Amino acid sequence: MHLPLEGIAGTVSKIYHQILNVPYPLTEDEQLISSIKAAHSDWQRAEAMFHEVLDPDLIDYTIYDVMAAKTKYTYLLKLAKNKGLDW
């Protein structure tokens, strides 16, 4: 069996990451999808905090947090759509 040098290096790299329990580097598209999922979680967390807060001083903060999280999420979705990603 003959593997090209790139194939061998890729296999060794995967084994290295598995043995050391180090995350394998993600592609740019995988990183974007991961960022979208994290941004969605942040938005949900911010929404939940908004519904829980009772202190009037924190209401403004939670509104800002919700709007910022939503803006980031929609921005990342737009990036994914422009790249033609379907996840």
Protein backbone atom coordinates (compact mmCIF):
# COMPACT_ATOMS: atom_id res chain seq x y z
CA MET A 1 0.00 0.00 0.00
CA HIS A 2 1.41 3.36 -1.00
CA LEU A 3 0.28 6.54 0.74
CA PRO A 4 1.38 9.94 -0.47
CA LEU A 5 3.46 11.92 1.99
CA GLU A 6 0.53 14.24 2.72
CA GLY A 7 -1.64 11.23 3.58
CA ILE A 8 0.95 9.87 6.00
CA ALA A 9 1.44 13.26 7.63
CA GLY A 10 -2.33 13.69 8.00
CA THR A 11 -2.70 10.25 9.56
CA VAL A 12 0.17 10.85 11.98
CA SER A 13 -1.31 14.23 12.90
CA LYS A 14 -4.72 12.69 13.64
CA ILE A 15 -3.16 9.98 15.81
CA TYR A 16 -1.07 12.60 17.65
CA HIS A 17 -4.16 14.65 18.44
CA GLN A 18 -6.12 11.58 19.58
CA ILE A 19 -3.35 10.27 21.85
CA LEU A 20 -2.73 13.63 23.52
CA ASN A 21 -6.45 14.41 23.57
CA VAL A 22 -5.75 17.68 21.79
CA PRO A 23 -8.53 19.01 19.57
CA TYR A 24 -7.82 18.57 15.88
CA PRO A 25 -7.61 21.91 14.08
CA LEU A 26 -10.88 22.82 12.41
CA THR A 27 -11.24 24.09 8.88
CA GLU A 28 -12.37 27.68 8.40
CA ASP A 29 -15.91 26.50 7.64
CA GLU A 30 -15.99 24.26 10.72
CA GLN A 31 -14.77 27.17 12.84
CA LEU A 32 -17.55 29.36 11.47
CA ILE A 33 -20.19 26.73 12.21
CA SER A 34 -18.79 26.29 15.71
CA SER A 35 -18.90 30.07 16.21
CA ILE A 36 -22.52 30.17 15.04
CA LYS A 37 -23.49 27.48 17.54
CA ALA A 38 -21.66 29.31 20.35
CA ALA A 39 -23.27 32.63 19.37
CA HIS A 40 -26.71 31.02 19.41
CA SER A 41 -26.05 29.63 22.90
CA ASP A 42 -24.87 33.06 24.05
CA TRP A 43 -28.05 34.63 22.69
CA GLN A 44 -30.22 32.05 24.47
CA ARG A 45 -28.28 32.61 27.71
CA ALA A 46 -28.71 36.38 27.41
CA GLU A 47 -32.46 35.98 26.78
CA ALA A 48 -32.81 33.72 29.81
CA MET A 49 -30.90 36.19 31.98
CA PHE A 50 -33.15 39.03 30.78
CA HIS A 51 -36.22 37.10 31.91
CA GLU A 52 -34.68 36.34 35.30
CA VAL A 53 -33.25 39.71 36.30
CA LEU A 54 -35.20 41.81 38.78
CA ASP A 55 -32.78 44.59 39.62
CA PRO A 56 -33.59 47.71 37.57
CA ASP A 57 -29.88 48.49 37.25
CA LEU A 58 -29.31 45.16 35.53
CA ILE A 59 -32.21 45.42 33.09
CA ASP A 60 -30.30 47.84 30.84
CA TYR A 61 -27.28 45.55 30.92
CA THR A 62 -29.31 42.49 29.96
CA ILE A 63 -31.02 44.36 27.12
CA TYR A 64 -27.62 45.35 25.76
CA ASP A 65 -26.36 41.78 26.18
CA VAL A 66 -29.35 40.32 24.29
CA MET A 67 -28.99 42.81 21.44
CA ALA A 68 -25.23 42.23 21.16
CA ALA A 69 -25.62 38.44 21.18
CA LYS A 70 -28.40 38.57 18.58
CA THR A 71 -26.37 40.89 16.35
CA LYS A 72 -23.33 38.60 16.50
CA TYR A 73 -25.45 35.53 15.72
CA THR A 74 -27.16 37.13 12.72
CA TYR A 75 -23.82 38.42 11.43
CA LEU A 76 -22.30 34.94 11.57
CA LEU A 77 -25.36 33.45 9.88
CA LYS A 78 -24.99 35.99 7.09
CA LEU A 79 -21.33 35.02 6.67
CA ALA A 80 -22.26 31.35 6.42
CA LYS A 81 -25.00 32.08 3.90
CA ASN A 82 -22.62 34.14 1.77
CA LYS A 83 -20.16 31.22 1.80
CA GLY A 84 -22.91 28.84 0.75
CA LEU A 85 -22.66 26.78 3.95
CA ASP A 86 -25.62 24.57 4.72
CA TRP A 87 -25.41 23.24 8.22
